[in-house]
C-alpha atoms as a PDB file:
ATOM      1  CA  UNK A   1     -15.935   1.284 -24.175  1.00  0.00           C
ATOM      2  CA  UNK A   2     -15.414  -2.343 -23.173  1.00  0.00           C
ATOM      3  CA  UNK A   3     -12.382  -3.168 -21.046  1.00  0.00           C
ATOM      4  CA  UNK A   4      -9.862  -5.553 -22.606  1.00  0.00           C
ATOM      5  CA  UNK A   5     -10.341  -9.050 -21.167  1.00  0.00           C
ATOM      6  CA  UNK A   6      -6.549  -9.544 -21.241  1.00  0.00           C
ATOM      7  CA  UNK A   7      -6.203  -6.983 -18.446  1.00  0.00           C
ATOM      8  CA  UNK A   8      -4.510  -8.079 -15.210  1.00  0.00           C
ATOM      9  CA  UNK A   9      -3.585  -6.421 -11.934  1.00  0.00           C
ATOM     10  CA  UNK A  10       0.220  -6.442 -12.215  1.00  0.00           C
ATOM     11  CA  UNK A  11       2.375  -7.468  -9.302  1.00  0.00           C
ATOM     12  CA  UNK A  12       3.875  -4.461  -7.591  1.00  0.00           C
ATOM     13  CA  UNK A  13       7.373  -5.466  -8.734  1.00  0.00           C
ATOM     14  CA  UNK A  14       6.339  -5.205 -12.389  1.00  0.00           C
ATOM     15  CA  UNK A  15       7.738  -2.160 -14.240  1.00  0.00           C
ATOM     16  CA  UNK A  16       6.212   1.106 -13.026  1.00  0.00           C
ATOM     17  CA  UNK A  17       5.841   4.503 -14.643  1.00  0.00           C
ATOM     18  CA  UNK A  18       5.098   6.514 -11.494  1.00  0.00           C
ATOM     19  CA  UNK A  19       4.280   6.524  -7.789  1.00  0.00           C
ATOM     20  CA  UNK A  20       1.654   8.774  -6.206  1.00  0.00           C
ATOM     21  CA  UNK A  21       2.120  10.592  -2.900  1.00  0.00           C
ATOM     22  CA  UNK A  22      -0.732  12.572  -1.339  1.00  0.00           C
ATOM     23  CA  UNK A  23       1.135  15.224   0.631  1.00  0.00           C
ATOM     24  CA  UNK A  24       0.423  16.010   4.324  1.00  0.00           C
ATOM     25  CA  UNK A  25      -0.697  19.522   5.248  1.00  0.00           C
ATOM     26  CA  UNK A  26      -1.840  21.571   8.231  1.00  0.00           C
ATOM     27  CA  UNK A  27      -5.511  20.644   7.845  1.00  0.00           C
ATOM     28  CA  UNK A  28      -4.808  16.924   8.300  1.00  0.00           C
ATOM     29  CA  UNK A  29      -4.159  14.903  11.446  1.00  0.00           C
ATOM     30  CA  UNK A  30      -0.444  15.525  10.846  1.00  0.00           C
ATOM     31  CA  UNK A  31      -0.724  19.125  12.045  1.00  0.00           C
ATOM     32  CA  UNK A  32       1.039  18.731  15.419  1.00  0.00           C
ATOM     33  CA  UNK A  33       4.153  17.149  13.873  1.00  0.00           C
ATOM     34  CA  UNK A  34       3.858  18.279  10.265  1.00  0.00           C
ATOM     35  CA  UNK A  35       7.529  19.221   9.880  1.00  0.00           C
ATOM     36  CA  UNK A  36       8.631  15.780  11.085  1.00  0.00           C
ATOM     37  CA  UNK A  37       6.349  13.837   8.773  1.00  0.00           C
ATOM     38  CA  UNK A  38       7.305  16.046   5.824  1.00  0.00           C
ATOM     39  CA  UNK A  39      10.891  14.872   6.294  1.00  0.00           C
ATOM     40  CA  UNK A  40       9.703  11.303   5.717  1.00  0.00           C
ATOM     41  CA  UNK A  41       7.768  12.410   2.623  1.00  0.00           C
ATOM     42  CA  UNK A  42      10.804  14.283   1.305  1.00  0.00           C
ATOM     43  CA  UNK A  43      12.864  11.110   1.807  1.00  0.00           C
ATOM     44  CA  UNK A  44      10.260   9.098  -0.129  1.00  0.00           C
ATOM     45  CA  UNK A  45      10.185  11.700  -2.919  1.00  0.00           C
ATOM     46  CA  UNK A  46      13.978  11.621  -3.129  1.00  0.00           C
ATOM     47  CA  UNK A  47      14.103   7.818  -3.343  1.00  0.00           C
ATOM     48  CA  UNK A  48      11.223   7.552  -5.814  1.00  0.00           C
ATOM     49  CA  UNK A  49      12.549  10.160  -8.259  1.00  0.00           C
ATOM     50  CA  UNK A  50      15.894   8.357  -8.448  1.00  0.00           C
ATOM     51  CA  UNK A  51      14.025   5.398  -9.955  1.00  0.00           C
ATOM     52  CA  UNK A  52      10.839   6.650 -11.645  1.00  0.00           C
ATOM     53  CA  UNK A  53       8.350   9.493 -11.925  1.00  0.00           C
ATOM     54  CA  UNK A  54       6.350  10.937  -9.030  1.00  0.00           C
ATOM     55  CA  UNK A  55       2.830  12.366  -8.867  1.00  0.00           C
ATOM     56  CA  UNK A  56       2.138  14.586  -5.861  1.00  0.00           C
ATOM     57  CA  UNK A  57      -1.439  15.368  -4.858  1.00  0.00           C
ATOM     58  CA  UNK A  58      -1.734  18.431  -2.623  1.00  0.00           C
ATOM     59  CA  UNK A  59      -3.932  21.467  -1.968  1.00  0.00           C
ATOM     60  CA  UNK A  60      -0.742  23.580  -1.888  1.00  0.00           C
ATOM     61  CA  UNK A  61       1.284  22.741  -4.998  1.00  0.00           C
ATOM     62  CA  UNK A  62       3.526  25.825  -4.978  1.00  0.00           C
ATOM     63  CA  UNK A  63       4.422  25.311  -1.320  1.00  0.00           C
ATOM     64  CA  UNK A  64       5.350  21.643  -1.786  1.00  0.00           C
ATOM     65  CA  UNK A  65       7.244  22.409  -4.998  1.00  0.00           C
ATOM     66  CA  UNK A  66       9.341  25.027  -3.207  1.00  0.00           C
ATOM     67  CA  UNK A  67      10.042  22.598  -0.378  1.00  0.00           C
ATOM     68  CA  UNK A  68      11.190  19.837  -2.733  1.00  0.00           C
ATOM     69  CA  UNK A  69      13.428  22.224  -4.682  1.00  0.00           C
ATOM     70  CA  UNK A  70      15.494  22.488  -1.493  1.00  0.00           C
ATOM     71  CA  UNK A  71      16.122  18.731  -1.394  1.00  0.00           C
ATOM     72  CA  UNK A  72      15.864  17.279  -4.913  1.00  0.00           C
ATOM     73  CA  UNK A  73      18.096  17.898  -7.915  1.00  0.00           C
ATOM     74  CA  UNK A  74      16.782  19.621 -11.019  1.00  0.00           C
ATOM     75  CA  UNK A  75      16.855  16.263 -12.790  1.00  0.00           C
ATOM     76  CA  UNK A  76      14.696  14.737 -10.053  1.00  0.00           C
ATOM     77  CA  UNK A  77      12.270  17.667 -10.074  1.00  0.00           C
ATOM     78  CA  UNK A  78      11.684  17.115 -13.791  1.00  0.00           C
ATOM     79  CA  UNK A  79      10.174  13.740 -12.851  1.00  0.00           C
ATOM     80  CA  UNK A  80       7.589  15.311 -10.513  1.00  0.00           C
ATOM     81  CA  UNK A  81       4.046  16.308 -11.495  1.00  0.00           C
ATOM     82  CA  UNK A  82       1.734  18.173  -9.116  1.00  0.00           C
ATOM     83  CA  UNK A  83      -2.027  17.767  -8.966  1.00  0.00           C
ATOM     84  CA  UNK A  84      -3.629  20.505  -6.885  1.00  0.00           C
ATOM     85  CA  UNK A  85      -6.892  19.574  -5.204  1.00  0.00           C
ATOM     86  CA  UNK A  86      -8.375  19.466  -1.684  1.00  0.00           C
ATOM     87  CA  UNK A  87      -7.613  16.393   0.449  1.00  0.00           C
ATOM     88  CA  UNK A  88      -8.769  14.949   3.769  1.00  0.00           C
ATOM     89  CA  UNK A  89      -5.611  12.959   4.497  1.00  0.00           C
ATOM     90  CA  UNK A  90      -2.586  11.341   2.888  1.00  0.00           C
ATOM     91  CA  UNK A  91      -3.117   7.589   2.440  1.00  0.00           C
ATOM     92  CA  UNK A  92      -2.723   7.253  -1.321  1.00  0.00           C
ATOM     93  CA  UNK A  93      -2.622   3.446  -1.110  1.00  0.00           C
ATOM     94  CA  UNK A  94      -6.265   3.423  -0.123  1.00  0.00           C
ATOM     95  CA  UNK A  95      -7.810   6.247  -2.131  1.00  0.00           C
ATOM     96  CA  UNK A  96      -5.621   5.865  -5.236  1.00  0.00           C
ATOM     97  CA  UNK A  97      -6.478   4.198  -8.523  1.00  0.00           C
ATOM     98  CA  UNK A  98      -6.034   0.433  -8.723  1.00  0.00           C
ATOM     99  CA  UNK A  99      -4.601   0.033 -12.213  1.00  0.00           C
ATOM    100  CA  UNK A 100      -4.908  -2.917 -14.588  1.00  0.00           C
ATOM    101  CA  UNK A 101      -2.655  -3.454 -17.589  1.00  0.00           C
ATOM    102  CA  UNK A 102      -2.894  -5.553 -20.749  1.00  0.00           C
ATOM    103  CA  UNK A 103      -0.139  -7.141 -22.852  1.00  0.00           C
ATOM    104  CA  UNK A 104       0.067  -4.080 -25.097  1.00  0.00           C
ATOM    105  CA  UNK A 105       0.524  -1.722 -22.158  1.00  0.00           C
ATOM    106  CA  UNK A 106      -2.988  -0.276 -22.189  1.00  0.00           C
ATOM    107  CA  UNK A 107      -4.171   0.715 -18.716  1.00  0.00           C
ATOM    108  CA  UNK A 108      -7.547   0.632 -16.976  1.00  0.00           C
ATOM    109  CA  UNK A 109      -7.877   3.002 -14.006  1.00  0.00           C
ATOM    110  CA  UNK A 110     -10.254   1.460 -11.460  1.00  0.00           C
ATOM    111  CA  UNK A 111     -11.798   4.100  -9.192  1.00  0.00           C
ATOM    112  CA  UNK A 112     -13.311   2.189  -6.275  1.00  0.00           C
ATOM    113  CA  UNK A 113     -15.144   3.901  -3.436  1.00  0.00           C
ATOM    114  CA  UNK A 114     -13.004   5.054  -0.515  1.00  0.00           C
ATOM    115  CA  UNK A 115     -15.100   5.642   2.617  1.00  0.00           C
ATOM    116  CA  UNK A 116     -12.483   6.202   5.311  1.00  0.00           C
ATOM    117  CA  UNK A 117     -12.000   2.512   6.196  1.00  0.00           C
ATOM    118  CA  UNK A 118     -15.650   1.858   6.939  1.00  0.00           C
ATOM    119  CA  UNK A 119     -16.806   5.419   7.719  1.00  0.00           C
ATOM    120  CA  UNK A 120     -14.260   5.874  10.526  1.00  0.00           C
ATOM    121  CA  UNK A 121     -12.885   9.139   9.134  1.00  0.00           C
ATOM    122  CA  UNK A 122     -13.884  11.898   6.706  1.00  0.00           C
ATOM    123  CA  UNK A 123     -13.169  10.793   3.162  1.00  0.00           C
ATOM    124  CA  UNK A 124     -15.259  12.825   0.718  1.00  0.00           C
ATOM    125  CA  UNK A 125     -12.314  14.856  -0.590  1.00  0.00           C
ATOM    126  CA  UNK A 126      -9.992  11.855  -0.860  1.00  0.00           C
ATOM    127  CA  UNK A 127     -12.651   9.852  -2.695  1.00  0.00           C
ATOM    128  CA  UNK A 128     -12.653  12.598  -5.380  1.00  0.00           C
ATOM    129  CA  UNK A 129      -8.856  12.650  -5.930  1.00  0.00           C
ATOM    130  CA  UNK A 130      -8.824  10.014  -8.673  1.00  0.00           C
ATOM    131  CA  UNK A 131     -11.331  11.861 -10.847  1.00  0.00           C
ATOM    132  CA  UNK A 132      -9.264  15.018 -10.396  1.00  0.00           C
ATOM    133  CA  UNK A 133      -6.111  13.196 -11.490  1.00  0.00           C
ATOM    134  CA  UNK A 134      -7.892  11.843 -14.550  1.00  0.00           C
ATOM    135  CA  UNK A 135      -9.558  15.130 -15.495  1.00  0.00           C
ATOM    136  CA  UNK A 136      -6.218  16.948 -15.211  1.00  0.00           C
ATOM    137  CA  UNK A 137      -4.477  14.380 -17.466  1.00  0.00           C
ATOM    138  CA  UNK A 138      -2.101  13.377 -14.692  1.00  0.00           C
ATOM    139  CA  UNK A 139      -2.734   9.701 -15.426  1.00  0.00           C
ATOM    140  CA  UNK A 140      -3.528   7.909 -18.674  1.00  0.00           C
ATOM    141  CA  UNK A 141      -5.861   4.995 -19.266  1.00  0.00           C
ATOM    142  CA  UNK A 142      -9.497   4.012 -19.441  1.00  0.00           C
ATOM    143  CA  UNK A 143     -11.361   5.453 -16.456  1.00  0.00           C
ATOM    144  CA  UNK A 144     -13.649   2.892 -14.772  1.00  0.00           C
ATOM    145  CA  UNK A 145     -16.060   4.240 -12.143  1.00  0.00           C
ATOM    146  CA  UNK A 146     -16.570   1.593  -9.433  1.00  0.00           C
ATOM    147  CA  UNK A 147     -17.988   3.847  -6.745  1.00  0.00           C
ATOM    148  CA  UNK A 148     -20.577   1.192  -5.877  1.00  0.00           C
ATOM    149  CA  UNK A 149     -17.901  -1.017  -4.278  1.00  0.00           C
ATOM    150  CA  UNK A 150     -15.621  -0.151  -1.350  1.00  0.00           C
ATOM    151  CA  UNK A 151     -12.040  -1.320  -1.888  1.00  0.00           C
ATOM    152  CA  UNK A 152      -8.747   0.043  -0.583  1.00  0.00           C
ATOM    153  CA  UNK A 153      -5.447  -0.720  -2.283  1.00  0.00           C
ATOM    154  CA  UNK A 154      -3.881  -1.730   1.019  1.00  0.00           C
ATOM    155  CA  UNK A 155      -6.413  -4.526   1.401  1.00  0.00           C
ATOM    156  CA  UNK A 156      -5.263  -6.546  -1.634  1.00  0.00           C
ATOM    157  CA  UNK A 157      -2.056  -8.011  -3.051  1.00  0.00           C
ATOM    158  CA  UNK A 158      -1.610  -9.451  -6.551  1.00  0.00           C
ATOM    159  CA  UNK A 159       0.965 -11.901  -7.876  1.00  0.00           C
ATOM    160  CA  UNK A 160       0.367 -10.606 -11.405  1.00  0.00           C
ATOM    161  CA  UNK A 161      -0.653 -14.106 -12.506  1.00  0.00           C
ATOM    162  CA  UNK A 162      -4.303 -14.173 -11.519  1.00  0.00           C
ATOM    163  CA  UNK A 163      -4.175 -14.670  -7.746  1.00  0.00           C
ATOM    164  CA  UNK A 164      -5.418 -11.978  -5.361  1.00  0.00           C
ATOM    165  CA  UNK A 165      -4.642 -12.148  -1.639  1.00  0.00           C
ATOM    166  CA  UNK A 166      -6.792 -10.369   0.954  1.00  0.00           C
ATOM    167  CA  UNK A 167      -7.993 -10.636   4.564  1.00  0.00           C
ATOM    168  CA  UNK A 168     -11.397 -11.567   5.887  1.00  0.00           C
ATOM    169  CA  UNK A 169     -11.136  -9.171   8.832  1.00  0.00           C
ATOM    170  CA  UNK A 170     -10.927  -6.204   6.437  1.00  0.00           C
ATOM    171  CA  UNK A 171     -13.170  -7.010   3.495  1.00  0.00           C
ATOM    172  CA  UNK A 172     -15.896  -8.469   5.719  1.00  0.00           C
ATOM    173  CA  UNK A 173     -15.655  -5.624   8.273  1.00  0.00           C
ATOM    174  CA  UNK A 174     -18.716  -3.422   8.946  1.00  0.00           C
ATOM    175  CA  UNK A 175     -19.547  -0.517   6.637  1.00  0.00           C
ATOM    176  CA  UNK A 176     -17.556  -1.848   3.685  1.00  0.00           C
ATOM    177  CA  UNK A 177     -19.770  -3.855   1.318  1.00  0.00           C
ATOM    178  CA  UNK A 178     -22.583  -5.326   3.366  1.00  0.00           C
ATOM    179  CA  UNK A 179     -24.775  -7.195   2.808  1.00  0.00           C
ATOM    180  CA  UNK A 180     -22.422  -8.982   0.391  1.00  0.00           C
ATOM    181  CA  UNK A 181     -21.113 -12.291   1.742  1.00  0.00           C
ATOM    182  CA  UNK A 182     -17.561 -13.580   1.380  1.00  0.00           C
ATOM    183  CA  UNK A 183     -18.255 -15.562  -1.785  1.00  0.00           C
ATOM    184  CA  UNK A 184     -20.023 -12.611  -3.399  1.00  0.00           C
ATOM    185  CA  UNK A 185     -17.068 -10.353  -2.599  1.00  0.00           C
ATOM    186  CA  UNK A 186     -14.700 -12.953  -4.050  1.00  0.00           C
ATOM    187  CA  UNK A 187     -16.679 -12.995  -7.278  1.00  0.00           C
ATOM    188  CA  UNK A 188     -16.700  -9.198  -7.460  1.00  0.00           C
ATOM    189  CA  UNK A 189     -12.937  -9.057  -6.899  1.00  0.00           C
ATOM    190  CA  UNK A 190     -12.351 -11.646  -9.603  1.00  0.00           C
ATOM    191  CA  UNK A 191     -14.599  -9.763 -11.999  1.00  0.00           C
ATOM    192  CA  UNK A 192     -13.186  -6.269 -11.489  1.00  0.00           C
ATOM    193  CA  UNK A 193      -9.523  -7.284 -11.076  1.00  0.00           C
ATOM    194  CA  UNK A 194      -9.658  -9.943 -13.832  1.00  0.00           C
ATOM    195  CA  UNK A 195      -8.403 -12.547 -11.365  1.00  0.00           C
ATOM    196  CA  UNK A 196      -8.736 -16.324 -11.404  1.00  0.00           C
ATOM    197  CA  UNK A 197      -8.873 -16.851  -7.655  1.00  0.00           C
ATOM    198  CA  UNK A 198      -8.846 -15.091  -4.275  1.00  0.00           C
ATOM    199  CA  UNK A 199      -6.903 -16.422  -1.287  1.00  0.00           C
ATOM    200  CA  UNK A 200      -8.350 -15.185   2.010  1.00  0.00           C
ATOM    201  CA  UNK A 201      -6.179 -14.813   5.109  1.00  0.00           C
ATOM    202  CA  UNK A 202      -8.344 -15.391   8.172  1.00  0.00           C
ATOM    203  CA  UNK A 203      -5.931 -14.384  10.938  1.00  0.00           C
ATOM    204  CA  UNK A 204      -3.660 -11.511  11.854  1.00  0.00           C
ATOM    205  CA  UNK A 205      -4.295  -8.031  13.128  1.00  0.00           C
ATOM    206  CA  UNK A 206      -2.054  -5.329  14.580  1.00  0.00           C
ATOM    207  CA  UNK A 207      -3.090  -3.299  17.609  1.00  0.00           C
ATOM    208  CA  UNK A 208      -3.891   0.283  16.694  1.00  0.00           C
ATOM    209  CA  UNK A 209      -4.673  -0.592  13.069  1.00  0.00           C
ATOM    210  CA  UNK A 210      -7.567   1.540  11.760  1.00  0.00           C
ATOM    211  CA  UNK A 211      -7.926  -0.483   8.549  1.00  0.00           C
ATOM    212  CA  UNK A 212      -9.373  -3.670  10.086  1.00  0.00           C
ATOM    213  CA  UNK A 213      -6.355  -5.690   9.015  1.00  0.00           C
ATOM    214  CA  UNK A 214      -4.999  -4.535   5.657  1.00  0.00           C
ATOM    215  CA  UNK A 215      -2.901  -7.234   4.069  1.00  0.00           C
ATOM    216  CA  UNK A 216      -0.028  -4.806   3.426  1.00  0.00           C
ATOM    217  CA  UNK A 217       0.591  -4.640   7.171  1.00  0.00           C
ATOM    218  CA  UNK A 218       0.796  -8.436   7.457  1.00  0.00           C
ATOM    219  CA  UNK A 219       1.695 -10.335   4.278  1.00  0.00           C
ATOM    220  CA  UNK A 220       3.329  -9.164   1.052  1.00  0.00           C
ATOM    221  CA  UNK A 221       3.767 -10.985  -2.234  1.00  0.00           C
ATOM    222  CA  UNK A 222       7.219 -11.201  -3.816  1.00  0.00           C
ATOM    223  CA  UNK A 223       8.639 -12.868  -6.949  1.00  0.00           C
ATOM    224  CA  UNK A 224       8.998 -16.629  -7.296  1.00  0.00           C
ATOM    225  CA  UNK A 225       5.859 -17.440  -5.301  1.00  0.00           C
ATOM    226  CA  UNK A 226       7.239 -15.880  -2.141  1.00  0.00           C
ATOM    227  CA  UNK A 227       5.160 -14.612   0.791  1.00  0.00           C
ATOM    228  CA  UNK A 228       6.894 -12.146   3.114  1.00  0.00           C
ATOM    229  CA  UNK A 229       4.978 -12.010   6.376  1.00  0.00           C
ATOM    230  CA  UNK A 230       5.120 -10.619   9.910  1.00  0.00           C
ATOM    231  CA  UNK A 231       5.945 -13.208  12.549  1.00  0.00           C
ATOM    232  CA  UNK A 232       5.779 -13.136  16.319  1.00  0.00           C
ATOM    233  CA  UNK A 233       7.804 -15.518  18.491  1.00  0.00           C
ATOM    234  CA  UNK A 234       7.107 -13.888  21.865  1.00  0.00           C
ATOM    235  CA  UNK A 235       4.278 -15.740  23.677  1.00  0.00           C
ATOM    236  CA  UNK A 236       3.773 -12.719  25.940  1.00  0.00           C
ATOM    237  CA  UNK A 237       3.002 -10.417  22.999  1.00  0.00           C
ATOM    238  CA  UNK A 238      -0.702  -9.779  22.417  1.00  0.00           C
ATOM    239  CA  UNK A 239      -0.210 -10.566  18.696  1.00  0.00           C
ATOM    240  CA  UNK A 240       1.316 -13.993  19.277  1.00  0.00           C
ATOM    241  CA  UNK A 241      -1.706 -16.272  18.866  1.00  0.00           C
ATOM    242  CA  UNK A 242      -3.159 -14.513  15.819  1.00  0.00           C
ATOM    243  CA  UNK A 243       0.135 -14.268  13.982  1.00  0.00           C
ATOM    244  CA  UNK A 244       0.954 -17.900  14.697  1.00  0.00           C
ATOM    245  CA  UNK A 245      -2.461 -18.858  13.297  1.00  0.00           C
ATOM    246  CA  UNK A 246      -1.766 -16.701  10.246  1.00  0.00           C
ATOM    247  CA  UNK A 247       1.624 -18.358   9.776  1.00  0.00           C
ATOM    248  CA  UNK A 248       0.014 -21.797   9.932  1.00  0.00           C
ATOM    249  CA  UNK A 249      -2.573 -20.805   7.327  1.00  0.00           C
ATOM    250  CA  UNK A 250       0.133 -19.462   5.009  1.00  0.00           C
ATOM    251  CA  UNK A 251       1.860 -22.851   5.101  1.00  0.00           C
ATOM    252  CA  UNK A 252      -1.391 -24.397   3.815  1.00  0.00           C
ATOM    253  CA  UNK A 253      -1.672 -22.106   0.788  1.00  0.00           C
ATOM    254  CA  UNK A 254      -0.759 -23.537  -2.595  1.00  0.00           C
ATOM    255  CA  UNK A 255       0.181 -21.873  -5.854  1.00  0.00           C
ATOM    256  CA  UNK A 256      -1.978 -22.421  -8.929  1.00  0.00           C
ATOM    257  CA  UNK A 257       0.414 -25.257  -9.759  1.00  0.00           C
ATOM    258  CA  UNK A 258      -0.322 -26.887  -6.397  1.00  0.00           C
ATOM    259  CA  UNK A 259       3.038 -26.141  -4.788  1.00  0.00           C
ATOM    260  CA  UNK A 260       3.591 -24.523  -1.372  1.00  0.00           C
ATOM    261  CA  UNK A 261       4.684 -20.908  -1.243  1.00  0.00           C
ATOM    262  CA  UNK A 262       8.173 -19.913  -0.177  1.00  0.00           C
ATOM    263  CA  UNK A 263       7.738 -18.195   3.206  1.00  0.00           C
ATOM    264  CA  UNK A 264      10.005 -15.465   4.589  1.00  0.00           C
ATOM    265  CA  UNK A 265       9.266 -14.273   8.130  1.00  0.00           C
ATOM    266  CA  UNK A 266       9.829 -10.651   9.100  1.00  0.00           C
ATOM    267  CA  UNK A 267      10.538  -9.778  12.730  1.00  0.00           C
ATOM    268  CA  UNK A 268       7.892  -8.160  14.907  1.00  0.00           C
ATOM    269  CA  UNK A 269       8.612  -4.518  15.667  1.00  0.00           C
ATOM    270  CA  UNK A 270       9.218  -4.094  19.397  1.00  0.00           C
ATOM    271  CA  UNK A 271       6.163  -2.385  20.937  1.00  0.00           C
ATOM    272  CA  UNK A 272       5.856   1.327  20.147  1.00  0.00           C
ATOM    273  CA  UNK A 273       3.354   3.594  21.869  1.00  0.00           C
ATOM    274  CA  UNK A 274       1.835   7.023  21.391  1.00  0.00           C
ATOM    275  CA  UNK A 275      -0.308   8.565  24.132  1.00  0.00           C
ATOM    276  CA  UNK A 276      -0.518   5.156  25.795  1.00  0.00           C
ATOM    277  CA  UNK A 277      -1.761   3.367  22.679  1.00  0.00           C
ATOM    278  CA  UNK A 278       0.260   0.674  20.923  1.00  0.00           C
ATOM    279  CA  UNK A 279       1.036   1.577  17.331  1.00  0.00           C
ATOM    280  CA  UNK A 280       0.686  -0.845  14.383  1.00  0.00           C
ATOM    281  CA  UNK A 281       4.362  -0.745  13.426  1.00  0.00           C
ATOM    282  CA  UNK A 282       5.238  -3.335  10.792  1.00  0.00           C
ATOM    283  CA  UNK A 283       8.118  -4.149   8.480  1.00  0.00           C
ATOM    284  CA  UNK A 284       5.721  -5.575   5.887  1.00  0.00           C
ATOM    285  CA  UNK A 285       4.764  -2.071   4.759  1.00  0.00           C
ATOM    286  CA  UNK A 286       7.619  -1.652   2.268  1.00  0.00           C
ATOM    287  CA  UNK A 287       7.402   0.070  -1.132  1.00  0.00           C
ATOM    288  CA  UNK A 288       8.552  -1.711  -4.292  1.00  0.00           C
ATOM    289  CA  UNK A 289      10.067   0.560  -6.956  1.00  0.00           C
ATOM    290  CA  UNK A 290      11.807  -0.070 -10.250  1.00  0.00           C
ATOM    291  CA  UNK A 291      15.097  -1.679  -9.151  1.00  0.00           C
ATOM    292  CA  UNK A 292      14.674  -0.745  -5.470  1.00  0.00           C
ATOM    293  CA  UNK A 293      12.673  -1.369  -2.310  1.00  0.00           C
ATOM    294  CA  UNK A 294      12.045   1.327   0.301  1.00  0.00           C
ATOM    295  CA  UNK A 295      11.567  -0.247   3.708  1.00  0.00           C
ATOM    296  CA  UNK A 296      10.463   1.230   7.045  1.00  0.00           C
ATOM    297  CA  UNK A 297      12.766   1.482  10.045  1.00  0.00           C
ATOM    298  CA  UNK A 298      11.759   2.279  13.623  1.00  0.00           C
ATOM    299  CA  UNK A 299      14.972   3.202  15.476  1.00  0.00           C
ATOM    300  CA  UNK A 300      15.360  -0.446  16.487  1.00  0.00           C
ATOM    301  CA  UNK A 301      18.783  -1.333  15.042  1.00  0.00           C
ATOM    302  CA  UNK A 302      18.611  -5.089  15.557  1.00  0.00           C
ATOM    303  CA  UNK A 303      15.070  -5.524  14.239  1.00  0.00           C
ATOM    304  CA  UNK A 304      15.634  -2.999  11.446  1.00  0.00           C
ATOM    305  CA  UNK A 305      18.663  -4.989  10.289  1.00  0.00           C
ATOM    306  CA  UNK A 306      16.835  -8.329  10.474  1.00  0.00           C
ATOM    307  CA  UNK A 307      13.966  -6.917   8.408  1.00  0.00           C
ATOM    308  CA  UNK A 308      16.365  -5.607   5.776  1.00  0.00           C
ATOM    309  CA  UNK A 309      18.006  -9.033   5.505  1.00  0.00           C
ATOM    310  CA  UNK A 310      14.637 -10.745   4.915  1.00  0.00           C
ATOM    311  CA  UNK A 311      13.429  -8.160   2.394  1.00  0.00           C
ATOM    312  CA  UNK A 312      16.715  -8.446   0.511  1.00  0.00           C
ATOM    313  CA  UNK A 313      16.181 -12.217   0.274  1.00  0.00           C
ATOM    314  CA  UNK A 314      12.812 -11.561  -1.359  1.00  0.00           C
ATOM    315  CA  UNK A 315      14.237  -8.944  -3.740  1.00  0.00           C
ATOM    316  CA  UNK A 316      17.914  -9.905  -4.180  1.00  0.00           C
ATOM    317  CA  UNK A 317      18.491  -7.744  -7.257  1.00  0.00           C
ATOM    318  CA  UNK A 318      17.052  -4.504  -5.849  1.00  0.00           C
ATOM    319  CA  UNK A 319      18.632  -1.703  -3.892  1.00  0.00           C
ATOM    320  CA  UNK A 320      17.312  -1.409  -0.330  1.00  0.00           C
ATOM    321  CA  UNK A 321      16.516   2.117   0.886  1.00  0.00           C
ATOM    322  CA  UNK A 322      15.671   2.588   4.592  1.00  0.00           C
ATOM    323  CA  UNK A 323      13.378   5.422   5.710  1.00  0.00           C
ATOM    324  CA  UNK A 324      12.603   6.195   9.348  1.00  0.00           C
ATOM    325  CA  UNK A 325       8.867   5.622   9.787  1.00  0.00           C
ATOM    326  CA  UNK A 326       8.583   6.338  13.500  1.00  0.00           C
ATOM    327  CA  UNK A 327       6.615   9.546  12.829  1.00  0.00           C
ATOM    328  CA  UNK A 328       4.374   8.093  10.097  1.00  0.00           C
ATOM    329  CA  UNK A 329       3.295   5.213  12.351  1.00  0.00           C
ATOM    330  CA  UNK A 330       1.919   7.736  14.876  1.00  0.00           C
ATOM    331  CA  UNK A 331      -1.010   8.058  12.460  1.00  0.00           C
ATOM    332  CA  UNK A 332      -1.283   4.250  12.317  1.00  0.00           C
ATOM    333  CA  UNK A 333       0.264   3.672   8.911  1.00  0.00           C
ATOM    334  CA  UNK A 334       3.670   3.295   7.293  1.00  0.00           C
ATOM    335  CA  UNK A 335       5.449   3.812   3.980  1.00  0.00           C
ATOM    336  CA  UNK A 336       3.436   1.566   1.650  1.00  0.00           C
ATOM    337  CA  UNK A 337       0.209   3.122   2.938  1.00  0.00           C
ATOM    338  CA  UNK A 338       1.462   6.529   1.732  1.00  0.00           C
ATOM    339  CA  UNK A 339       1.984   5.474  -1.887  1.00  0.00           C
ATOM    340  CA  UNK A 340       0.234   4.064  -4.938  1.00  0.00           C
ATOM    341  CA  UNK A 341       2.046   2.833  -8.039  1.00  0.00           C
ATOM    342  CA  UNK A 342       1.022   3.159 -11.683  1.00  0.00           C
ATOM    343  CA  UNK A 343       2.187   0.345 -14.025  1.00  0.00           C
ATOM    344  CA  UNK A 344       4.389   1.135 -16.997  1.00  0.00           C
END
């Protein structure tokens, strides 16, 4: 079957049918604070099911279902589907399907290879989740096996109009797609994602980030040619020089029409540490839903409020839903990393 050439990778704010969560369990790195992180997942499930459907991937479907019944209404629970299969971890953004859509609403489910962010962590079970979802009829569309190319959903952003944004520090990092060079990777992205161009961000990295600089920790795309990005105005912060260089590069980017992007700067999260290591806390890792945006908070009232104000400017017609992400970030991710959307 030949994929429709009218397919595009929709922007995340385009209408969605469902969000995927891959649920934490005792055999993951969450074990020592599993109850705490489950509270964040319950909060995400609650917010998601008030706006759209939810797919939960877990080795323990009955256990998670019983837990959610304590917190979600019967109406919300009717929007939840459970796919039971073994998992290594919980980062659905990076092992989930990347889904294309055509004008008629037909979907193509792209199953890229997930290798634990360059063979840093075990990933064999997570790399098999998509095929399980497809085989169990949890998702609909044309299944496209792209296991010859490593690509994580957190490493790309789409404006829904043919432009893909990514970072050189991630896609050119070791153990991803060597020996492919930057131009070859650009061509592969354009081919598989049906894109017209790729804009590469050459600066920006958060301490403690295992992903080699996923774009969803740094820069997010919003409607009306808007880039929402993490800024740093403290010259004593170790991120200062790189984030200033990133900011300068963003000012040089042009839309396909040759106009500059509208830039909205998020505050830097005040340093957070776990076991002496700085954590990659970021306000850029928000989740876009139908009619809402879930954004991370870090028990920093002033910064949390500033971030909400900026995100609301980018999405003025959407409800803002805060969720405490101070436990999630202990495993070096945040809310967006935990989810993957499926277009309507």
